[in-house]
PDB file of N, CA and C in Angstrom:
ATOM      1  N   MET A   1     254.333 127.494 253.692  1.00  0.00           N
ATOM      2  CA  MET A   1     254.334 128.298 252.629  1.00  0.00           C
ATOM      3  C   MET A   1     253.677 127.812 251.549  1.00  0.00           C
ATOM      4  N   ILE A   2     252.938 126.491 251.593  1.00  0.00           N
ATOM      5  CA  ILE A   2     251.889 125.556 250.947  1.00  0.00           C
ATOM      6  C   ILE A   2     250.819 126.286 251.068  1.00  0.00           C
ATOM      7  N   LEU A   3     250.319 126.612 252.631  1.00  0.00           N
ATOM      8  CA  LEU A   3     249.106 126.878 252.825  1.00  0.00           C
ATOM      9  C   LEU A   3     248.574 128.349 252.746  1.00  0.00           C
ATOM     10  N   LEU A   4     250.131 129.611 252.776  1.00  0.00           N
ATOM     11  CA  LEU A   4     249.790 130.648 252.401  1.00  0.00           C
ATOM     12  C   LEU A   4     249.720 130.706 250.715  1.00  0.00           C
ATOM     13  N   LEU A   5     250.113 130.117 249.936  1.00  0.00           N
ATOM     14  CA  LEU A   5     249.722 130.530 248.223  1.00  0.00           C
ATOM     15  C   LEU A   5     248.078 129.833 248.207  1.00  0.00           C
ATOM     16  N   ILE A   6     247.776 128.425 248.934  1.00  0.00           N
ATOM     17  CA  ILE A   6     246.105 128.138 249.111  1.00  0.00           C
ATOM     18  C   ILE A   6     245.555 129.551 249.410  1.00  0.00           C
ATOM     19  N   ALA A   7     245.614 129.782 250.906  1.00  0.00           N
ATOM     20  CA  ALA A   7     244.718 130.929 250.932  1.00  0.00           C
ATOM     21  C   ALA A   7     244.921 132.512 250.110  1.00  0.00           C
ATOM     22  N   PHE A   8     246.191 132.361 249.300  1.00  0.00           N
ATOM     23  CA  PHE A   8     246.524 133.524 248.598  1.00  0.00           C
ATOM     24  C   PHE A   8     245.763 133.697 247.355  1.00  0.00           C
ATOM     25  N   PHE A   9     245.597 132.244 246.597  1.00  0.00           N
ATOM     26  CA  PHE A   9     244.632 132.030 245.478  1.00  0.00           C
ATOM     27  C   PHE A   9     243.147 131.841 245.680  1.00  0.00           C
ATOM     28  N   THR A  10     242.734 131.343 246.930  1.00  0.00           N
ATOM     29  CA  THR A  10     241.293 130.516 247.119  1.00  0.00           C
ATOM     30  C   THR A  10     240.534 131.568 248.257  1.00  0.00           C
ATOM     31  N   LYS A  11     239.548 131.343 247.954  1.00  0.00           N
ATOM     32  CA  LYS A  11     238.650 131.952 248.703  1.00  0.00           C
ATOM     33  C   LYS A  11     237.760 131.610 250.102  1.00  0.00           C
ATOM     34  N   GLY A  12     236.481 131.981 250.735  1.00  0.00           N
ATOM     35  CA  GLY A  12     235.897 131.324 251.616  1.00  0.00           C
ATOM     36  C   GLY A  12     236.297 130.360 252.682  1.00  0.00           C
ATOM     37  N   GLN A  13     236.163 129.115 252.562  1.00  0.00           N
ATOM     38  CA  GLN A  13     236.239 128.498 253.765  1.00  0.00           C
ATOM     39  C   GLN A  13     237.660 127.504 253.422  1.00  0.00           C
ATOM     40  N   VAL A  14     237.933 127.759 252.123  1.00  0.00           N
ATOM     41  CA  VAL A  14     239.528 126.886 251.940  1.00  0.00           C
ATOM     42  C   VAL A  14     240.357 127.825 252.275  1.00  0.00           C
ATOM     43  N   ALA A  15     240.225 129.021 251.759  1.00  0.00           N
ATOM     44  CA  ALA A  15     241.282 130.150 252.577  1.00  0.00           C
ATOM     45  C   ALA A  15     241.536 130.376 254.115  1.00  0.00           C
ATOM     46  N   MET A  16     239.984 129.776 254.979  1.00  0.00           N
ATOM     47  CA  MET A  16     240.127 130.419 256.383  1.00  0.00           C
ATOM     48  C   MET A  16     241.228 129.074 257.483  1.00  0.00           C
ATOM     49  N   TRP A  17     240.715 127.947 256.272  1.00  0.00           N
ATOM     50  CA  TRP A  17     241.427 126.773 257.256  1.00  0.00           C
ATOM     51  C   TRP A  17     242.967 126.951 257.004  1.00  0.00           C
ATOM     52  N   SER A  18     242.815 127.646 255.705  1.00  0.00           N
ATOM     53  CA  SER A  18     244.894 127.184 255.351  1.00  0.00           C
ATOM     54  C   SER A  18     245.677 128.427 256.055  1.00  0.00           C
ATOM     55  N   ILE A  19     244.735 129.354 256.623  1.00  0.00           N
ATOM     56  CA  ILE A  19     245.117 130.577 257.816  1.00  0.00           C
ATOM     57  C   ILE A  19     245.119 129.909 258.869  1.00  0.00           C
ATOM     58  N   ILE A  20     244.218 129.751 259.233  1.00  0.00           N
ATOM     59  CA  ILE A  20     244.005 128.451 260.827  1.00  0.00           C
ATOM     60  C   ILE A  20     245.341 127.515 260.726  1.00  0.00           C
ATOM     61  N   GLY A  21     245.499 127.018 259.946  1.00  0.00           N
ATOM     62  CA  GLY A  21     246.601 126.087 259.644  1.00  0.00           C
ATOM     63  C   GLY A  21     248.059 126.580 259.676  1.00  0.00           C
ATOM     64  N   ILE A  22     248.165 127.711 259.039  1.00  0.00           N
ATOM     65  CA  ILE A  22     249.149 128.616 259.215  1.00  0.00           C
ATOM     66  C   ILE A  22     249.523 129.065 260.579  1.00  0.00           C
ATOM     67  N   GLY A  23     248.586 129.593 261.751  1.00  0.00           N
ATOM     68  CA  GLY A  23     248.959 129.546 262.960  1.00  0.00           C
ATOM     69  C   GLY A  23     249.575 128.480 263.406  1.00  0.00           C
ATOM     70  N   LEU A  24     248.818 127.155 263.126  1.00  0.00           N
ATOM     71  CA  LEU A  24     249.303 125.920 263.981  1.00  0.00           C
ATOM     72  C   LEU A  24     250.545 125.809 264.014  1.00  0.00           C
ATOM     73  N   PHE A  25     251.399 125.714 262.199  1.00  0.00           N
ATOM     74  CA  PHE A  25     252.443 125.424 262.240  1.00  0.00           C
ATOM     75  C   PHE A  25     253.191 126.323 262.286  1.00  0.00           C
ATOM     76  N   ALA A  26     252.905 128.031 262.813  1.00  0.00           N
ATOM     77  CA  ALA A  26     253.724 128.555 263.239  1.00  0.00           C
ATOM     78  C   ALA A  26     254.451 128.730 264.531  1.00  0.00           C
ATOM     79  N   SER A  27     253.017 128.242 265.323  1.00  0.00           N
ATOM     80  CA  SER A  27     253.443 127.647 266.835  1.00  0.00           C
ATOM     81  C   SER A  27     254.597 126.574 266.942  1.00  0.00           C
ATOM     82  N   ILE A  28     254.767 126.233 265.937  1.00  0.00           N
ATOM     83  CA  ILE A  28     254.974 124.514 266.108  1.00  0.00           C
ATOM     84  C   ILE A  28     256.475 125.082 265.598  1.00  0.00           C
ATOM     85  N   MET A  29     257.115 125.870 264.773  1.00  0.00           N
ATOM     86  CA  MET A  29     258.225 126.340 264.602  1.00  0.00           C
ATOM     87  C   MET A  29     259.313 127.195 265.626  1.00  0.00           C
ATOM     88  N   TRP A  30     258.659 127.479 266.576  1.00  0.00           N
ATOM     89  CA  TRP A  30     258.811 128.870 267.204  1.00  0.00           C
ATOM     90  C   TRP A  30     260.427 128.085 267.921  1.00  0.00           C
ATOM     91  N   SER A  31     260.122 126.617 268.143  1.00  0.00           N
ATOM     92  CA  SER A  31     260.859 126.344 269.173  1.00  0.00           C
ATOM     93  C   SER A  31     262.081 125.507 268.347  1.00  0.00           C
ATOM     94  N   ASN A  32     262.182 125.321 267.018  1.00  0.00           N
ATOM     95  CA  ASN A  32     262.778 124.815 266.283  1.00  0.00           C
ATOM     96  C   ASN A  32     263.900 125.846 266.116  1.00  0.00           C
ATOM     97  N   ILE A  33     263.529 127.066 265.827  1.00  0.00           N
ATOM     98  CA  ILE A  33     263.952 128.572 265.173  1.00  0.00           C
ATOM     99  C   ILE A  33     265.101 128.766 265.992  1.00  0.00           C
ATOM    100  N   PHE A  34     264.457 128.549 267.641  1.00  0.00           N
ATOM    101  CA  PHE A  34     265.759 129.017 268.797  1.00  0.00           C
ATOM    102  C   PHE A  34     266.382 127.746 269.050  1.00  0.00           C
ATOM    103  N   THR A  35     265.730 126.765 268.870  1.00  0.00           N
ATOM    104  CA  THR A  35     267.311 126.150 269.199  1.00  0.00           C
ATOM    105  C   THR A  35     268.277 126.231 267.933  1.00  0.00           C
ATOM    106  N   LEU A  36     268.132 126.197 266.850  1.00  0.00           N
ATOM    107  CA  LEU A  36     268.796 126.639 265.881  1.00  0.00           C
ATOM    108  C   LEU A  36     269.715 127.410 266.127  1.00  0.00           C
ATOM    109  N   ALA A  37     269.120 128.393 266.544  1.00  0.00           N
ATOM    110  CA  ALA A  37     269.990 130.057 266.646  1.00  0.00           C
ATOM    111  C   ALA A  37     270.783 129.806 267.628  1.00  0.00           C
ATOM    112  N   ILE A  38     270.772 129.228 268.888  1.00  0.00           N
ATOM    113  CA  ILE A  38     271.677 129.264 269.652  1.00  0.00           C
ATOM    114  C   ILE A  38     272.463 127.837 269.799  1.00  0.00           C
ATOM    115  N   ARG A  39     272.199 127.378 269.338  1.00  0.00           N
ATOM    116  CA  ARG A  39     273.088 125.777 269.028  1.00  0.00           C
ATOM    117  C   ARG A  39     274.704 126.468 268.720  1.00  0.00           C
ATOM    118  N   GLY A  40     275.668 126.053 269.405  1.00  0.00           N
ATOM    119  CA  GLY A  40     276.890 126.333 268.911  1.00  0.00           C
ATOM    120  C   GLY A  40     277.089 127.384 269.347  1.00  0.00           C
ATOM    121  N   LEU A  41     276.773 128.036 270.664  1.00  0.00           N
ATOM    122  CA  LEU A  41     276.835 129.576 271.111  1.00  0.00           C
ATOM    123  C   LEU A  41     278.434 129.247 271.876  1.00  0.00           C
ATOM    124  N   GLY A  42     277.840 128.089 272.373  1.00  0.00           N
ATOM    125  CA  GLY A  42     279.221 127.943 273.919  1.00  0.00           C
ATOM    126  C   GLY A  42     278.702 128.816 274.776  1.00  0.00           C
ATOM    127  N   LYS A  43     280.033 129.630 275.548  1.00  0.00           N
ATOM    128  CA  LYS A  43     279.178 130.338 276.308  1.00  0.00           C
ATOM    129  C   LYS A  43     278.725 131.493 276.485  1.00  0.00           C
ATOM    130  N   TYR A  44     279.021 131.699 275.082  1.00  0.00           N
ATOM    131  CA  TYR A  44     277.658 132.995 274.496  1.00  0.00           C
ATOM    132  C   TYR A  44     276.113 132.461 274.275  1.00  0.00           C
ATOM    133  N   THR A  45     275.869 131.418 274.883  1.00  0.00           N
ATOM    134  CA  THR A  45     274.250 131.058 274.625  1.00  0.00           C
ATOM    135  C   THR A  45     273.625 131.740 275.226  1.00  0.00           C
ATOM    136  N   SER A  46     273.661 132.192 276.580  1.00  0.00           N
ATOM    137  CA  SER A  46     272.729 133.227 277.229  1.00  0.00           C
ATOM    138  C   SER A  46     272.624 134.456 276.214  1.00  0.00           C
ATOM    139  N   GLN A  47     273.923 135.202 275.847  1.00  0.00           N
ATOM    140  CA  GLN A  47     273.585 136.087 275.601  1.00  0.00           C
ATOM    141  C   GLN A  47     273.187 136.173 273.823  1.00  0.00           C
ATOM    142  N   GLY A  48     273.191 135.140 273.144  1.00  0.00           N
ATOM    143  CA  GLY A  48     272.293 135.243 272.001  1.00  0.00           C
ATOM    144  C   GLY A  48     271.589 134.705 272.433  1.00  0.00           C
ATOM    145  N   SER A  49     270.318 134.133 273.266  1.00  0.00           N
ATOM    146  CA  SER A  49     269.227 134.006 273.377  1.00  0.00           C
ATOM    147  C   SER A  49     268.201 135.222 273.813  1.00  0.00           C
ATOM    148  N   SER A  50     269.434 135.875 274.355  1.00  0.00           N
ATOM    149  CA  SER A  50     268.625 137.300 274.817  1.00  0.00           C
ATOM    150  C   SER A  50     268.368 138.291 273.838  1.00  0.00           C
ATOM    151  N   LEU A  51     269.575 138.081 272.897  1.00  0.00           N
ATOM    152  CA  LEU A  51     269.187 138.963 271.732  1.00  0.00           C
ATOM    153  C   LEU A  51     268.079 138.153 270.490  1.00  0.00           C
ATOM    154  N   LEU A  52     268.263 137.010 270.830  1.00  0.00           N
ATOM    155  CA  LEU A  52     266.703 136.543 269.957  1.00  0.00           C
ATOM    156  C   LEU A  52     265.871 136.742 270.481  1.00  0.00           C
ATOM    157  N   ILE A  53     265.507 136.896 271.849  1.00  0.00           N
ATOM    158  CA  ILE A  53     264.370 137.380 272.493  1.00  0.00           C
ATOM    159  C   ILE A  53     263.747 138.738 272.227  1.00  0.00           C
ATOM    160  N   MET A  54     265.109 139.558 271.667  1.00  0.00           N
ATOM    161  CA  MET A  54     265.006 140.942 271.777  1.00  0.00           C
ATOM    162  C   MET A  54     264.535 141.106 270.374  1.00  0.00           C
ATOM    163  N   ALA A  55     264.954 139.866 269.460  1.00  0.00           N
ATOM    164  CA  ALA A  55     264.464 139.839 267.900  1.00  0.00           C
ATOM    165  C   ALA A  55     263.112 140.094 267.339  1.00  0.00           C
ATOM    166  N   ILE A  56     262.164 139.253 268.841  1.00  0.00           N
ATOM    167  CA  ILE A  56     261.135 138.949 268.814  1.00  0.00           C
ATOM    168  C   ILE A  56     260.102 140.194 267.732  1.00  0.00           C
ATOM    169  N   LEU A  57     261.084 141.432 268.335  1.00  0.00           N
ATOM    170  CA  LEU A  57     259.975 143.073 267.986  1.00  0.00           C
ATOM    171  C   LEU A  57     259.852 143.134 266.385  1.00  0.00           C
ATOM    172  N   GLY A  58     260.599 142.312 265.779  1.00  0.00           N
ATOM    173  CA  GLY A  58     260.455 142.139 264.330  1.00  0.00           C
ATOM    174  C   GLY A  58     258.293 141.806 263.956  1.00  0.00           C
ATOM    175  N   ALA A  59     258.810 140.788 264.754  1.00  0.00           N
ATOM    176  CA  ALA A  59     257.145 140.415 264.818  1.00  0.00           C
ATOM    177  C   ALA A  59     256.179 141.531 264.789  1.00  0.00           C
ATOM    178  N   ALA A  60     256.559 142.735 265.858  1.00  0.00           N
ATOM    179  CA  ALA A  60     255.383 143.598 266.043  1.00  0.00           C
ATOM    180  C   ALA A  60     255.790 144.603 264.534  1.00  0.00           C
ATOM    181  N   LEU A  61     256.708 143.883 263.762  1.00  0.00           N
ATOM    182  CA  LEU A  61     256.339 145.351 262.511  1.00  0.00           C
ATOM    183  C   LEU A  61     256.079 144.360 261.524  1.00  0.00           C
ATOM    184  N   ILE A  62     256.307 143.225 261.460  1.00  0.00           N
ATOM    185  CA  ILE A  62     255.226 142.731 260.434  1.00  0.00           C
ATOM    186  C   ILE A  62     253.710 143.238 259.899  1.00  0.00           C
ATOM    187  N   PRO A  63     252.566 143.079 261.289  1.00  0.00           N
ATOM    188  CA  PRO A  63     251.736 143.236 261.053  1.00  0.00           C
ATOM    189  C   PRO A  63     251.085 144.291 260.498  1.00  0.00           C
ATOM    190  N   PRO A  64     251.597 145.621 260.654  1.00  0.00           N
ATOM    191  CA  PRO A  64     251.509 146.473 260.318  1.00  0.00           C
ATOM    192  C   PRO A  64     252.270 147.101 258.866  1.00  0.00           C
ATOM    193  N   LEU A  65     252.829 146.123 258.286  1.00  0.00           N
ATOM    194  CA  LEU A  65     253.359 146.192 257.544  1.00  0.00           C
ATOM    195  C   LEU A  65     252.609 145.302 256.400  1.00  0.00           C
ATOM    196  N   GLN A  66     251.655 144.508 257.081  1.00  0.00           N
ATOM    197  CA  GLN A  66     250.916 143.150 256.172  1.00  0.00           C
ATOM    198  C   GLN A  66     249.304 143.969 255.522  1.00  0.00           C
ATOM    199  N   GLY A  67     249.105 145.118 257.362  1.00  0.00           N
ATOM    200  CA  GLY A  67     248.130 145.897 256.615  1.00  0.00           C
ATOM    201  C   GLY A  67     247.897 146.758 255.682  1.00  0.00           C
ATOM    202  N   LEU A  68     249.377 147.840 255.455  1.00  0.00           N
ATOM    203  CA  LEU A  68     249.571 148.586 254.739  1.00  0.00           C
ATOM    204  C   LEU A  68     249.360 147.871 253.540  1.00  0.00           C
ATOM    205  N   VAL A  69     250.180 146.923 253.303  1.00  0.00           N
ATOM    206  CA  VAL A  69     249.610 146.179 251.824  1.00  0.00           C
ATOM    207  C   VAL A  69     248.180 145.844 251.743  1.00  0.00           C
ATOM    208  N   ALA A  70     247.703 145.366 253.042  1.00  0.00           N
ATOM    209  CA  ALA A  70     246.142 144.913 252.769  1.00  0.00           C
ATOM    210  C   ALA A  70     245.556 146.388 252.174  1.00  0.00           C
ATOM    211  N   ASP A  71     245.631 147.636 252.969  1.00  0.00           N
ATOM    212  CA  ASP A  71     245.394 148.746 252.338  1.00  0.00           C
ATOM    213  C   ASP A  71     245.291 149.622 251.408  1.00  0.00           C
ATOM    214  N   THR A  72     246.659 148.543 250.552  1.00  0.00           N
ATOM    215  CA  THR A  72     246.892 149.520 249.283  1.00  0.00           C
ATOM    216  C   THR A  72     246.397 148.257 248.372  1.00  0.00           C
ATOM    217  N   PHE A  73     246.741 146.879 248.460  1.00  0.00           N
ATOM    218  CA  PHE A  73     246.337 146.145 247.532  1.00  0.00           C
ATOM    219  C   PHE A  73     245.345 145.048 247.739  1.00  0.00           C
ATOM    220  N   GLY A  74     244.655 145.164 248.931  1.00  0.00           N
ATOM    221  CA  GLY A  74     243.673 143.950 249.407  1.00  0.00           C
ATOM    222  C   GLY A  74     244.016 142.870 250.124  1.00  0.00           C
ATOM    223  N   VAL A  75     243.107 142.737 251.240  1.00  0.00           N
ATOM    224  CA  VAL A  75     243.594 141.363 252.414  1.00  0.00           C
ATOM    225  C   VAL A  75     244.135 140.222 251.419  1.00  0.00           C
ATOM    226  N   GLN A  76     243.806 139.733 251.072  1.00  0.00           N
ATOM    227  CA  GLN A  76     244.226 138.341 250.179  1.00  0.00           C
ATOM    228  C   GLN A  76     245.438 138.944 249.813  1.00  0.00           C
ATOM    229  N   GLN A  77     245.768 139.262 249.028  1.00  0.00           N
ATOM    230  CA  GLN A  77     247.091 139.940 248.520  1.00  0.00           C
ATOM    231  C   GLN A  77     248.275 140.618 249.577  1.00  0.00           C
ATOM    232  N   SER A  78     247.797 140.908 250.678  1.00  0.00           N
ATOM    233  CA  SER A  78     248.604 141.093 251.657  1.00  0.00           C
ATOM    234  C   SER A  78     249.466 139.784 252.822  1.00  0.00           C
ATOM    235  N   PHE A  79     248.857 138.530 252.078  1.00  0.00           N
ATOM    236  CA  PHE A  79     249.676 137.096 252.342  1.00  0.00           C
ATOM    237  C   PHE A  79     250.834 137.372 252.108  1.00  0.00           C
ATOM    238  N   ILE A  80     251.376 138.044 250.936  1.00  0.00           N
ATOM    239  CA  ILE A  80     252.681 138.056 250.810  1.00  0.00           C
ATOM    240  C   ILE A  80     253.645 138.326 251.236  1.00  0.00           C
ATOM    241  N   VAL A  81     253.375 139.497 252.219  1.00  0.00           N
ATOM    242  CA  VAL A  81     254.119 139.824 253.052  1.00  0.00           C
ATOM    243  C   VAL A  81     254.981 138.288 254.185  1.00  0.00           C
ATOM    244  N   ILE A  82     253.451 137.836 254.634  1.00  0.00           N
ATOM    245  CA  ILE A  82     254.118 136.524 255.518  1.00  0.00           C
ATOM    246  C   ILE A  82     254.151 135.793 254.457  1.00  0.00           C
ATOM    247  N   LEU A  83     254.308 135.064 253.410  1.00  0.00           N
ATOM    248  CA  LEU A  83     255.216 134.413 252.425  1.00  0.00           C
ATOM    249  C   LEU A  83     256.831 134.540 252.700  1.00  0.00           C
ATOM    250  N   ALA A  84     256.762 135.969 252.322  1.00  0.00           N
ATOM    251  CA  ALA A  84     257.972 136.379 252.112  1.00  0.00           C
ATOM    252  C   ALA A  84     258.874 136.148 253.377  1.00  0.00           C
ATOM    253  N   CYS A  85     258.291 135.913 254.669  1.00  0.00           N
ATOM    254  CA  CYS A  85     258.610 135.805 256.201  1.00  0.00           C
ATOM    255  C   CYS A  85     259.023 134.300 255.798  1.00  0.00           C
ATOM    256  N   HIS A  86     257.867 133.603 255.634  1.00  0.00           N
ATOM    257  CA  HIS A  86     257.985 132.548 255.482  1.00  0.00           C
ATOM    258  C   HIS A  86     259.327 131.728 254.926  1.00  0.00           C
ATOM    259  N   ILE A  87     259.200 132.829 253.693  1.00  0.00           N
ATOM    260  CA  ILE A  87     261.018 131.814 252.942  1.00  0.00           C
ATOM    261  C   ILE A  87     261.863 132.502 253.514  1.00  0.00           C
ATOM    262  N   PHE A  88     262.140 133.497 254.080  1.00  0.00           N
ATOM    263  CA  PHE A  88     263.700 133.691 255.303  1.00  0.00           C
ATOM    264  C   PHE A  88     263.619 132.517 256.165  1.00  0.00           C
ATOM    265  N   VAL A  89     262.393 132.237 256.469  1.00  0.00           N
ATOM    266  CA  VAL A  89     262.588 131.034 258.272  1.00  0.00           C
ATOM    267  C   VAL A  89     263.108 129.779 257.074  1.00  0.00           C
ATOM    268  N   ALA A  90     263.028 129.317 255.897  1.00  0.00           N
ATOM    269  CA  ALA A  90     263.037 128.526 255.477  1.00  0.00           C
ATOM    270  C   ALA A  90     264.325 128.563 254.861  1.00  0.00           C
ATOM    271  N   TRP A  91     265.331 129.657 254.457  1.00  0.00           N
ATOM    272  CA  TRP A  91     266.473 129.837 253.866  1.00  0.00           C
ATOM    273  C   TRP A  91     267.195 129.619 255.265  1.00  0.00           C
ATOM    274  N   TYR A  92     266.906 130.324 256.622  1.00  0.00           N
ATOM    275  CA  TYR A  92     267.434 130.184 257.723  1.00  0.00           C
ATOM    276  C   TYR A  92     267.415 128.682 258.172  1.00  0.00           C
ATOM    277  N   GLY A  93     266.670 128.224 258.228  1.00  0.00           N
ATOM    278  CA  GLY A  93     266.503 126.494 258.662  1.00  0.00           C
ATOM    279  C   GLY A  93     267.133 125.283 257.624  1.00  0.00           C
ATOM    280  N   PHE A  94     267.513 126.062 256.401  1.00  0.00           N
ATOM    281  CA  PHE A  94     268.093 124.946 255.748  1.00  0.00           C
ATOM    282  C   PHE A  94     270.053 125.683 255.543  1.00  0.00           C
ATOM    283  N   LYS A  95     270.016 127.169 255.609  1.00  0.00           N
ATOM    284  CA  LYS A  95     271.097 127.413 255.070  1.00  0.00           C
ATOM    285  C   LYS A  95     271.744 128.381 256.042  1.00  0.00           C
ATOM    286  N   GLY A  96     271.016 129.184 256.249  1.00  0.00           N
ATOM    287  CA  GLY A  96     271.142 130.353 257.608  1.00  0.00           C
ATOM    288  C   GLY A  96     272.090 129.925 258.526  1.00  0.00           C
ATOM    289  N   SER A  97     271.543 128.915 258.905  1.00  0.00           N
ATOM    290  CA  SER A  97     271.585 128.230 260.775  1.00  0.00           C
ATOM    291  C   SER A  97     272.908 128.133 260.882  1.00  0.00           C
ATOM    292  N   LYS A  98     273.797 127.732 259.422  1.00  0.00           N
ATOM    293  CA  LYS A  98     274.784 126.429 259.618  1.00  0.00           C
ATOM    294  C   LYS A  98     275.962 127.246 260.424  1.00  0.00           C
ATOM    295  N   ILE A  99     276.563 126.551 261.129  1.00  0.00           N
ATOM    296  CA  ILE A  99     277.706 127.098 261.528  1.00  0.00           C
ATOM    297  C   ILE A  99     278.977 127.244 260.544  1.00  0.00           C
ATOM    298  N   VAL A 100     279.208 128.537 260.709  1.00  0.00           N
ATOM    299  CA  VAL A 100     280.566 128.851 259.942  1.00  0.00           C
ATOM    300  C   VAL A 100     281.832 128.836 260.829  1.00  0.00           C
ATOM    301  N   LYS A 101     282.766 128.212 260.171  1.00  0.00           N
ATOM    302  CA  LYS A 101     284.308 128.193 261.103  1.00  0.00           C
ATOM    303  C   LYS A 101     284.930 128.967 260.197  1.00  0.00           C
ATOM    304  N   HIS A 102     285.719 130.306 260.740  1.00  0.00           N
ATOM    305  CA  HIS A 102     286.385 131.212 259.772  1.00  0.00           C
ATOM    306  C   HIS A 102     287.643 130.477 260.637  1.00  0.00           C
ATOM    307  N   ALA A 103     288.742 131.120 259.249  1.00  0.00           N
ATOM    308  CA  ALA A 103     290.007 130.355 259.686  1.00  0.00           C
ATOM    309  C   ALA A 103     290.704 131.970 260.275  1.00  0.00           C
TER     310      ALA A 103
END
């Protein structure tokens, strides 16, 4: 998220290297997100992992949304869409992935 903010508020090579860094860290995140998502599913692990793979459709919806924001407000401002996605991923990692026991 810090790299996104740097890319949002700077220009030139600093912004470019920030975007490249975002791609590097995003590639590392996937294995952790997948593991958190299927942890504790027990006999439902195969169904849960299948649903998670199907949920990748969201990655097909975000680029057009970012493109729309870029066309409307500017390329640099469009990274607010990606920042919102990373905020959600951070929430999921810290809070949303916790297993809740229902009575």
